[in-house]
PDB file of N, CA and C in Angstrom:
ATOM      1  N   UNK A   1      11.906  16.444   3.131  1.00  0.00           N
ATOM      2  CA  UNK A   1      11.152  15.457   3.022  1.00  0.00           C
ATOM      3  C   UNK A   1      10.873  13.899   4.185  1.00  0.00           C
ATOM      4  N   UNK A   2       9.496  13.803   4.805  1.00  0.00           N
ATOM      5  CA  UNK A   2       9.853  12.983   5.472  1.00  0.00           C
ATOM      6  C   UNK A   2       9.685  11.441   4.761  1.00  0.00           C
ATOM      7  N   UNK A   3      10.817  10.763   5.601  1.00  0.00           N
ATOM      8  CA  UNK A   3      11.159   9.679   5.595  1.00  0.00           C
ATOM      9  C   UNK A   3      10.422   8.388   6.233  1.00  0.00           C
ATOM     10  N   UNK A   4       9.555   7.369   5.747  1.00  0.00           N
ATOM     11  CA  UNK A   4       8.539   6.562   6.322  1.00  0.00           C
ATOM     12  C   UNK A   4       9.744   5.996   8.015  1.00  0.00           C
ATOM     13  N   UNK A   5      10.559   5.732   7.808  1.00  0.00           N
ATOM     14  CA  UNK A   5      11.270   5.386   9.054  1.00  0.00           C
ATOM     15  C   UNK A   5      11.899   6.115  10.054  1.00  0.00           C
ATOM     16  N   UNK A   6      11.053   7.697   9.719  1.00  0.00           N
ATOM     17  CA  UNK A   6      11.298   8.557  10.413  1.00  0.00           C
ATOM     18  C   UNK A   6      10.361   8.492  11.788  1.00  0.00           C
ATOM     19  N   UNK A   7       9.577   7.774  11.919  1.00  0.00           N
ATOM     20  CA  UNK A   7       8.560   7.671  12.808  1.00  0.00           C
ATOM     21  C   UNK A   7       8.295   5.840  13.228  1.00  0.00           C
ATOM     22  N   UNK A   8       7.589   5.534  14.028  1.00  0.00           N
ATOM     23  CA  UNK A   8       7.216   4.657  14.641  1.00  0.00           C
ATOM     24  C   UNK A   8       6.031   4.357  13.951  1.00  0.00           C
ATOM     25  N   UNK A   9       5.506   2.766  13.849  1.00  0.00           N
ATOM     26  CA  UNK A   9       4.174   2.455  13.118  1.00  0.00           C
ATOM     27  C   UNK A   9       3.070   3.280  13.587  1.00  0.00           C
ATOM     28  N   UNK A  10       3.108   3.366  15.109  1.00  0.00           N
ATOM     29  CA  UNK A  10       2.009   3.749  16.208  1.00  0.00           C
ATOM     30  C   UNK A  10       2.046   5.501  16.269  1.00  0.00           C
ATOM     31  N   UNK A  11       3.274   6.158  15.322  1.00  0.00           N
ATOM     32  CA  UNK A  11       3.191   7.502  15.066  1.00  0.00           C
ATOM     33  C   UNK A  11       2.037   7.540  13.794  1.00  0.00           C
ATOM     34  N   UNK A  12       2.660   6.820  12.796  1.00  0.00           N
ATOM     35  CA  UNK A  12       1.935   6.515  11.515  1.00  0.00           C
ATOM     36  C   UNK A  12       0.433   6.432  11.515  1.00  0.00           C
ATOM     37  N   UNK A  13       0.511   5.137  12.478  1.00  0.00           N
ATOM     38  CA  UNK A  13      -1.392   4.865  12.474  1.00  0.00           C
ATOM     39  C   UNK A  13      -2.630   5.754  13.270  1.00  0.00           C
ATOM     40  N   UNK A  14      -1.223   6.562  14.041  1.00  0.00           N
ATOM     41  CA  UNK A  14      -2.169   8.027  14.383  1.00  0.00           C
ATOM     42  C   UNK A  14      -2.582   8.880  13.908  1.00  0.00           C
ATOM     43  N   UNK A  15      -1.626   9.378  12.943  1.00  0.00           N
ATOM     44  CA  UNK A  15      -1.355   9.826  11.562  1.00  0.00           C
ATOM     45  C   UNK A  15      -2.938   9.602  10.628  1.00  0.00           C
ATOM     46  N   UNK A  16      -2.900   8.102  10.808  1.00  0.00           N
ATOM     47  CA  UNK A  16      -3.665   7.558   9.462  1.00  0.00           C
ATOM     48  C   UNK A  16      -4.719   7.902   9.808  1.00  0.00           C
ATOM     49  N   UNK A  17      -5.270   7.537  11.357  1.00  0.00           N
ATOM     50  CA  UNK A  17      -6.783   7.743  11.984  1.00  0.00           C
ATOM     51  C   UNK A  17      -6.848   9.005  12.014  1.00  0.00           C
ATOM     52  N   UNK A  18      -6.209   9.709  12.534  1.00  0.00           N
ATOM     53  CA  UNK A  18      -6.446  11.191  12.561  1.00  0.00           C
ATOM     54  C   UNK A  18      -7.421  11.383  10.596  1.00  0.00           C
ATOM     55  N   UNK A  19      -6.183  11.285  10.016  1.00  0.00           N
ATOM     56  CA  UNK A  19      -6.680  11.986   8.413  1.00  0.00           C
ATOM     57  C   UNK A  19      -8.018  10.968   7.793  1.00  0.00           C
ATOM     58  N   UNK A  20      -8.910   9.697   8.426  1.00  0.00           N
ATOM     59  CA  UNK A  20      -9.586   9.383   8.294  1.00  0.00           C
ATOM     60  C   UNK A  20     -10.878   9.992   9.378  1.00  0.00           C
ATOM     61  N   UNK A  21     -10.475  10.477   9.959  1.00  0.00           N
ATOM     62  CA  UNK A  21     -11.903  10.995  11.366  1.00  0.00           C
ATOM     63  C   UNK A  21     -11.422  12.511  10.587  1.00  0.00           C
ATOM     64  N   UNK A  22     -11.142  13.206  10.433  1.00  0.00           N
ATOM     65  CA  UNK A  22     -10.643  14.648  10.194  1.00  0.00           C
ATOM     66  C   UNK A  22     -11.595  15.485   9.080  1.00  0.00           C
ATOM     67  N   UNK A  23     -12.841  15.423   8.895  1.00  0.00           N
ATOM     68  CA  UNK A  23     -13.939  15.574   7.716  1.00  0.00           C
ATOM     69  C   UNK A  23     -12.989  16.967   6.828  1.00  0.00           C
ATOM     70  N   UNK A  24     -12.229  17.872   7.933  1.00  0.00           N
ATOM     71  CA  UNK A  24     -11.905  19.165   7.276  1.00  0.00           C
ATOM     72  C   UNK A  24     -10.379  18.474   5.919  1.00  0.00           C
ATOM     73  N   UNK A  25     -10.300  17.819   6.471  1.00  0.00           N
ATOM     74  CA  UNK A  25      -9.150  16.977   5.555  1.00  0.00           C
ATOM     75  C   UNK A  25      -8.926  16.762   3.945  1.00  0.00           C
ATOM     76  N   UNK A  26      -8.602  17.093   3.486  1.00  0.00           N
ATOM     77  CA  UNK A  26      -9.623  17.261   1.683  1.00  0.00           C
ATOM     78  C   UNK A  26      -8.508  16.800   0.840  1.00  0.00           C
ATOM     79  N   UNK A  27      -6.739  16.898   1.441  1.00  0.00           N
ATOM     80  CA  UNK A  27      -5.884  16.011   0.970  1.00  0.00           C
ATOM     81  C   UNK A  27      -5.858  14.661   0.864  1.00  0.00           C
ATOM     82  N   UNK A  28      -4.903  14.208  -0.211  1.00  0.00           N
ATOM     83  CA  UNK A  28      -4.750  12.769  -0.276  1.00  0.00           C
ATOM     84  C   UNK A  28      -4.109  12.061   1.332  1.00  0.00           C
ATOM     85  N   UNK A  29      -4.096  11.017   1.700  1.00  0.00           N
ATOM     86  CA  UNK A  29      -3.501  10.266   2.485  1.00  0.00           C
ATOM     87  C   UNK A  29      -1.910  10.292   2.236  1.00  0.00           C
ATOM     88  N   UNK A  30      -1.609  10.227   1.261  1.00  0.00           N
ATOM     89  CA  UNK A  30      -0.056  10.427   1.069  1.00  0.00           C
ATOM     90  C   UNK A  30       0.392  12.042   0.839  1.00  0.00           C
ATOM     91  N   UNK A  31      -0.614  12.604   0.308  1.00  0.00           N
ATOM     92  CA  UNK A  31       0.263  14.108   1.115  1.00  0.00           C
ATOM     93  C   UNK A  31      -0.266  14.579   2.408  1.00  0.00           C
ATOM     94  N   UNK A  32      -1.111  14.056   2.967  1.00  0.00           N
ATOM     95  CA  UNK A  32      -1.065  14.238   3.830  1.00  0.00           C
ATOM     96  C   UNK A  32       0.114  13.937   5.122  1.00  0.00           C
ATOM     97  N   UNK A  33       0.541  13.105   4.831  1.00  0.00           N
ATOM     98  CA  UNK A  33       1.594  12.205   5.538  1.00  0.00           C
ATOM     99  C   UNK A  33       2.904  12.946   5.047  1.00  0.00           C
ATOM    100  N   UNK A  34       2.902  13.679   3.805  1.00  0.00           N
ATOM    101  CA  UNK A  34       4.140  14.073   3.126  1.00  0.00           C
ATOM    102  C   UNK A  34       5.240  13.449   2.762  1.00  0.00           C
ATOM    103  N   UNK A  35       4.548  12.206   2.168  1.00  0.00           N
ATOM    104  CA  UNK A  35       5.867  11.201   1.516  1.00  0.00           C
ATOM    105  C   UNK A  35       5.731  11.082   0.388  1.00  0.00           C
ATOM    106  N   UNK A  36       6.272  11.122  -0.130  1.00  0.00           N
ATOM    107  CA  UNK A  36       6.900  11.176  -1.444  1.00  0.00           C
ATOM    108  C   UNK A  36       6.385   9.575  -1.880  1.00  0.00           C
ATOM    109  N   UNK A  37       6.656   9.216  -3.543  1.00  0.00           N
ATOM    110  CA  UNK A  37       5.834   8.034  -3.954  1.00  0.00           C
ATOM    111  C   UNK A  37       6.867   6.910  -3.368  1.00  0.00           C
ATOM    112  N   UNK A  38       8.279   6.551  -3.236  1.00  0.00           N
ATOM    113  CA  UNK A  38       8.754   5.196  -2.735  1.00  0.00           C
ATOM    114  C   UNK A  38       8.597   5.083  -1.589  1.00  0.00           C
ATOM    115  N   UNK A  39       8.470   6.644  -0.692  1.00  0.00           N
ATOM    116  CA  UNK A  39       8.564   6.643   0.871  1.00  0.00           C
ATOM    117  C   UNK A  39       6.932   6.185   1.208  1.00  0.00           C
ATOM    118  N   UNK A  40       5.766   6.855   0.283  1.00  0.00           N
ATOM    119  CA  UNK A  40       4.531   6.086   0.578  1.00  0.00           C
ATOM    120  C   UNK A  40       4.370   4.460   0.331  1.00  0.00           C
ATOM    121  N   UNK A  41       5.145   3.857  -0.876  1.00  0.00           N
ATOM    122  CA  UNK A  41       4.881   2.592  -0.951  1.00  0.00           C
ATOM    123  C   UNK A  41       5.643   1.830   0.008  1.00  0.00           C
ATOM    124  N   UNK A  42       6.723   2.463   0.961  1.00  0.00           N
ATOM    125  CA  UNK A  42       7.157   1.919   1.949  1.00  0.00           C
ATOM    126  C   UNK A  42       6.248   1.973   3.074  1.00  0.00           C
ATOM    127  N   UNK A  43       5.653   2.877   3.266  1.00  0.00           N
ATOM    128  CA  UNK A  43       4.630   3.083   4.492  1.00  0.00           C
ATOM    129  C   UNK A  43       3.446   2.009   4.243  1.00  0.00           C
ATOM    130  N   UNK A  44       2.952   2.182   2.812  1.00  0.00           N
ATOM    131  CA  UNK A  44       1.470   1.291   2.582  1.00  0.00           C
ATOM    132  C   UNK A  44       1.927  -0.653   2.623  1.00  0.00           C
ATOM    133  N   UNK A  45       3.307  -0.610   2.630  1.00  0.00           N
ATOM    134  CA  UNK A  45       3.493  -2.284   1.913  1.00  0.00           C
ATOM    135  C   UNK A  45       4.026  -2.689   3.557  1.00  0.00           C
ATOM    136  N   UNK A  46       4.744  -1.886   4.425  1.00  0.00           N
ATOM    137  CA  UNK A  46       5.155  -1.967   5.754  1.00  0.00           C
ATOM    138  C   UNK A  46       6.962  -2.456   5.263  1.00  0.00           C
ATOM    139  N   UNK A  47       7.267  -1.621   4.187  1.00  0.00           N
ATOM    140  CA  UNK A  47       8.658  -1.839   4.239  1.00  0.00           C
ATOM    141  C   UNK A  47       9.623  -1.722   4.640  1.00  0.00           C
ATOM    142  N   UNK A  48      10.308  -1.883   5.804  1.00  0.00           N
ATOM    143  CA  UNK A  48      11.336  -1.644   6.797  1.00  0.00           C
ATOM    144  C   UNK A  48      12.871  -1.765   6.943  1.00  0.00           C
ATOM    145  N   UNK A  49      12.844  -1.992   5.843  1.00  0.00           N
ATOM    146  CA  UNK A  49      14.499  -1.956   5.512  1.00  0.00           C
ATOM    147  C   UNK A  49      15.135  -0.837   5.166  1.00  0.00           C
ATOM    148  N   UNK A  50      16.062  -0.574   6.136  1.00  0.00           N
ATOM    149  CA  UNK A  50      16.704   0.643   6.250  1.00  0.00           C
ATOM    150  C   UNK A  50      17.409   0.750   4.696  1.00  0.00           C
ATOM    151  N   UNK A  51      18.263  -0.231   4.377  1.00  0.00           N
ATOM    152  CA  UNK A  51      18.996  -0.066   3.176  1.00  0.00           C
ATOM    153  C   UNK A  51      18.347  -0.600   1.763  1.00  0.00           C
ATOM    154  N   UNK A  52      17.568  -0.565   1.653  1.00  0.00           N
ATOM    155  CA  UNK A  52      16.514  -1.244   0.211  1.00  0.00           C
ATOM    156  C   UNK A  52      16.679   0.353  -0.570  1.00  0.00           C
ATOM    157  N   UNK A  53      16.898  -0.309  -1.844  1.00  0.00           N
ATOM    158  CA  UNK A  53      17.019   0.846  -3.275  1.00  0.00           C
ATOM    159  C   UNK A  53      15.532   1.418  -3.477  1.00  0.00           C
ATOM    160  N   UNK A  54      15.676   2.224  -3.841  1.00  0.00           N
ATOM    161  CA  UNK A  54      14.233   2.810  -4.371  1.00  0.00           C
ATOM    162  C   UNK A  54      13.515   1.534  -5.533  1.00  0.00           C
ATOM    163  N   UNK A  55      14.566   1.458  -5.876  1.00  0.00           N
ATOM    164  CA  UNK A  55      14.153   0.010  -7.392  1.00  0.00           C
ATOM    165  C   UNK A  55      13.736  -1.104  -6.630  1.00  0.00           C
ATOM    166  N   UNK A  56      14.833  -1.768  -6.138  1.00  0.00           N
ATOM    167  CA  UNK A  56      13.700  -2.385  -5.013  1.00  0.00           C
ATOM    168  C   UNK A  56      12.422  -2.125  -4.083  1.00  0.00           C
ATOM    169  N   UNK A  57      11.949  -0.886  -3.549  1.00  0.00           N
ATOM    170  CA  UNK A  57      10.763  -0.594  -3.140  1.00  0.00           C
ATOM    171  C   UNK A  57      10.100  -0.890  -4.377  1.00  0.00           C
ATOM    172  N   UNK A  58       9.765  -0.470  -5.506  1.00  0.00           N
ATOM    173  CA  UNK A  58       9.191  -0.897  -6.305  1.00  0.00           C
ATOM    174  C   UNK A  58       9.112  -1.923  -6.400  1.00  0.00           C
ATOM    175  N   UNK A  59      10.152  -2.669  -6.642  1.00  0.00           N
ATOM    176  CA  UNK A  59       9.791  -3.992  -7.392  1.00  0.00           C
ATOM    177  C   UNK A  59       9.524  -5.045  -6.272  1.00  0.00           C
ATOM    178  N   UNK A  60       9.709  -4.657  -4.678  1.00  0.00           N
ATOM    179  CA  UNK A  60       8.588  -5.383  -4.084  1.00  0.00           C
ATOM    180  C   UNK A  60       7.231  -5.140  -3.602  1.00  0.00           C
ATOM    181  N   UNK A  61       7.149  -3.681  -3.690  1.00  0.00           N
ATOM    182  CA  UNK A  61       5.651  -3.273  -3.455  1.00  0.00           C
ATOM    183  C   UNK A  61       4.776  -4.270  -5.085  1.00  0.00           C
ATOM    184  N   UNK A  62       5.925  -4.010  -6.083  1.00  0.00           N
ATOM    185  CA  UNK A  62       4.815  -4.693  -7.307  1.00  0.00           C
ATOM    186  C   UNK A  62       4.338  -6.488  -7.027  1.00  0.00           C
ATOM    187  N   UNK A  63       5.252  -6.959  -6.193  1.00  0.00           N
ATOM    188  CA  UNK A  63       4.757  -8.123  -6.318  1.00  0.00           C
ATOM    189  C   UNK A  63       3.895  -8.300  -5.630  1.00  0.00           C
ATOM    190  N   UNK A  64       3.703  -7.472  -4.074  1.00  0.00           N
ATOM    191  CA  UNK A  64       2.640  -7.762  -3.523  1.00  0.00           C
ATOM    192  C   UNK A  64       1.222  -7.291  -3.943  1.00  0.00           C
ATOM    193  N   UNK A  65       1.317  -6.272  -4.962  1.00  0.00           N
ATOM    194  CA  UNK A  65       0.164  -5.940  -5.640  1.00  0.00           C
ATOM    195  C   UNK A  65      -0.189  -7.000  -6.432  1.00  0.00           C
ATOM    196  N   UNK A  66       0.488  -7.436  -7.275  1.00  0.00           N
ATOM    197  CA  UNK A  66       1.030  -8.654  -8.232  1.00  0.00           C
ATOM    198  C   UNK A  66      -0.179 -10.115  -7.725  1.00  0.00           C
ATOM    199  N   UNK A  67       0.454 -10.520  -6.103  1.00  0.00           N
ATOM    200  CA  UNK A  67      -0.034 -11.369  -5.521  1.00  0.00           C
ATOM    201  C   UNK A  67      -1.105 -10.994  -4.954  1.00  0.00           C
ATOM    202  N   UNK A  68      -2.179  -9.570  -4.732  1.00  0.00           N
ATOM    203  CA  UNK A  68      -2.904  -9.724  -4.588  1.00  0.00           C
ATOM    204  C   UNK A  68      -4.013  -9.529  -5.442  1.00  0.00           C
ATOM    205  N   UNK A  69      -3.751  -8.924  -6.652  1.00  0.00           N
ATOM    206  CA  UNK A  69      -4.828  -8.838  -7.361  1.00  0.00           C
ATOM    207  C   UNK A  69      -5.172 -10.631  -7.951  1.00  0.00           C
ATOM    208  N   UNK A  70      -3.743 -11.232  -8.147  1.00  0.00           N
ATOM    209  CA  UNK A  70      -4.080 -12.740  -8.456  1.00  0.00           C
ATOM    210  C   UNK A  70      -4.742 -13.184  -7.958  1.00  0.00           C
ATOM    211  N   UNK A  71      -4.927 -13.238  -5.951  1.00  0.00           N
ATOM    212  CA  UNK A  71      -5.773 -14.132  -5.642  1.00  0.00           C
ATOM    213  C   UNK A  71      -7.176 -13.438  -5.677  1.00  0.00           C
ATOM    214  N   UNK A  72      -7.098 -11.670  -5.522  1.00  0.00           N
ATOM    215  CA  UNK A  72      -8.900 -11.592  -4.910  1.00  0.00           C
ATOM    216  C   UNK A  72      -9.265 -11.244  -6.603  1.00  0.00           C
ATOM    217  N   UNK A  73      -8.850 -10.779  -7.948  1.00  0.00           N
ATOM    218  CA  UNK A  73      -9.473 -10.762  -8.946  1.00  0.00           C
ATOM    219  C   UNK A  73      -9.063 -11.874  -9.810  1.00  0.00           C
ATOM    220  N   UNK A  74      -8.375 -12.016 -10.276  1.00  0.00           N
ATOM    221  CA  UNK A  74      -8.092 -13.297 -11.110  1.00  0.00           C
ATOM    222  C   UNK A  74      -8.480 -14.257 -10.978  1.00  0.00           C
ATOM    223  N   UNK A  75      -8.210 -15.477  -9.803  1.00  0.00           N
ATOM    224  CA  UNK A  75      -8.513 -16.485  -9.382  1.00  0.00           C
ATOM    225  C   UNK A  75     -10.223 -16.575  -9.228  1.00  0.00           C
ATOM    226  N   UNK A  76     -10.707 -15.695  -8.442  1.00  0.00           N
ATOM    227  CA  UNK A  76     -12.097 -16.083  -8.654  1.00  0.00           C
ATOM    228  C   UNK A  76     -12.566 -16.143  -9.597  1.00  0.00           C
ATOM    229  N   UNK A  77     -12.227 -14.945 -10.589  1.00  0.00           N
ATOM    230  CA  UNK A  77     -12.646 -14.805 -12.010  1.00  0.00           C
ATOM    231  C   UNK A  77     -12.344 -15.893 -12.765  1.00  0.00           C
ATOM    232  N   UNK A  78     -11.391 -17.111 -12.611  1.00  0.00           N
ATOM    233  CA  UNK A  78     -11.161 -18.132 -13.352  1.00  0.00           C
ATOM    234  C   UNK A  78     -11.894 -19.036 -13.066  1.00  0.00           C
ATOM    235  N   UNK A  79     -12.230 -18.861 -11.721  1.00  0.00           N
ATOM    236  CA  UNK A  79     -13.336 -19.766 -10.664  1.00  0.00           C
ATOM    237  C   UNK A  79     -14.864 -19.924 -11.565  1.00  0.00           C
ATOM    238  N   UNK A  80     -14.504 -18.627 -11.717  1.00  0.00           N
ATOM    239  CA  UNK A  80     -16.208 -18.261 -12.360  1.00  0.00           C
ATOM    240  C   UNK A  80     -16.149 -19.116 -13.851  1.00  0.00           C
ATOM    241  N   UNK A  81     -15.130 -18.558 -14.141  1.00  0.00           N
ATOM    242  CA  UNK A  81     -15.394 -19.295 -15.533  1.00  0.00           C
ATOM    243  C   UNK A  81     -15.623 -20.442 -15.718  1.00  0.00           C
ATOM    244  N   UNK A  82     -14.374 -21.080 -15.268  1.00  0.00           N
ATOM    245  CA  UNK A  82     -14.613 -22.609 -14.936  1.00  0.00           C
ATOM    246  C   UNK A  82     -16.409 -22.899 -14.719  1.00  0.00           C
ATOM    247  N   UNK A  83     -16.764 -22.911 -13.599  1.00  0.00           N
ATOM    248  CA  UNK A  83     -17.799 -23.195 -13.385  1.00  0.00           C
ATOM    249  C   UNK A  83     -19.088 -22.520 -14.551  1.00  0.00           C
ATOM    250  N   UNK A  84     -18.743 -21.782 -15.471  1.00  0.00           N
ATOM    251  CA  UNK A  84     -20.195 -21.356 -16.339  1.00  0.00           C
ATOM    252  C   UNK A  84     -19.439 -22.470 -17.512  1.00  0.00           C
ATOM    253  N   UNK A  85     -18.182 -22.789 -17.901  1.00  0.00           N
ATOM    254  CA  UNK A  85     -18.279 -23.807 -18.659  1.00  0.00           C
ATOM    255  C   UNK A  85     -18.703 -25.201 -18.440  1.00  0.00           C
ATOM    256  N   UNK A  86     -18.704 -25.645 -17.146  1.00  0.00           N
ATOM    257  CA  UNK A  86     -19.163 -26.787 -16.537  1.00  0.00           C
ATOM    258  C   UNK A  86     -20.348 -27.111 -16.672  1.00  0.00           C
ATOM    259  N   UNK A  87     -20.901 -26.137 -16.721  1.00  0.00           N
ATOM    260  CA  UNK A  87     -22.808 -26.265 -16.986  1.00  0.00           C
ATOM    261  C   UNK A  87     -22.970 -26.699 -18.278  1.00  0.00           C
TER     262      UNK A  87
END
């Protein structure tokens, strides 16, 4: 199994670009990179702590996702709802 920290960020970027550009590649990015779920989360969220546990990776990535969803989905909808109520 490939580990996220086995390659440099530039190497991962080149592989990602190839996946995006090569129309013959039909698998998911995770499959193309050969990363399991934990290593893929490290890749996606840039978690480069060598000593982080799998549980901590899951918790840290979940916190990031929760923050993104809050900022990009929930807060705008709340604002939209408040504007409707004020009318």
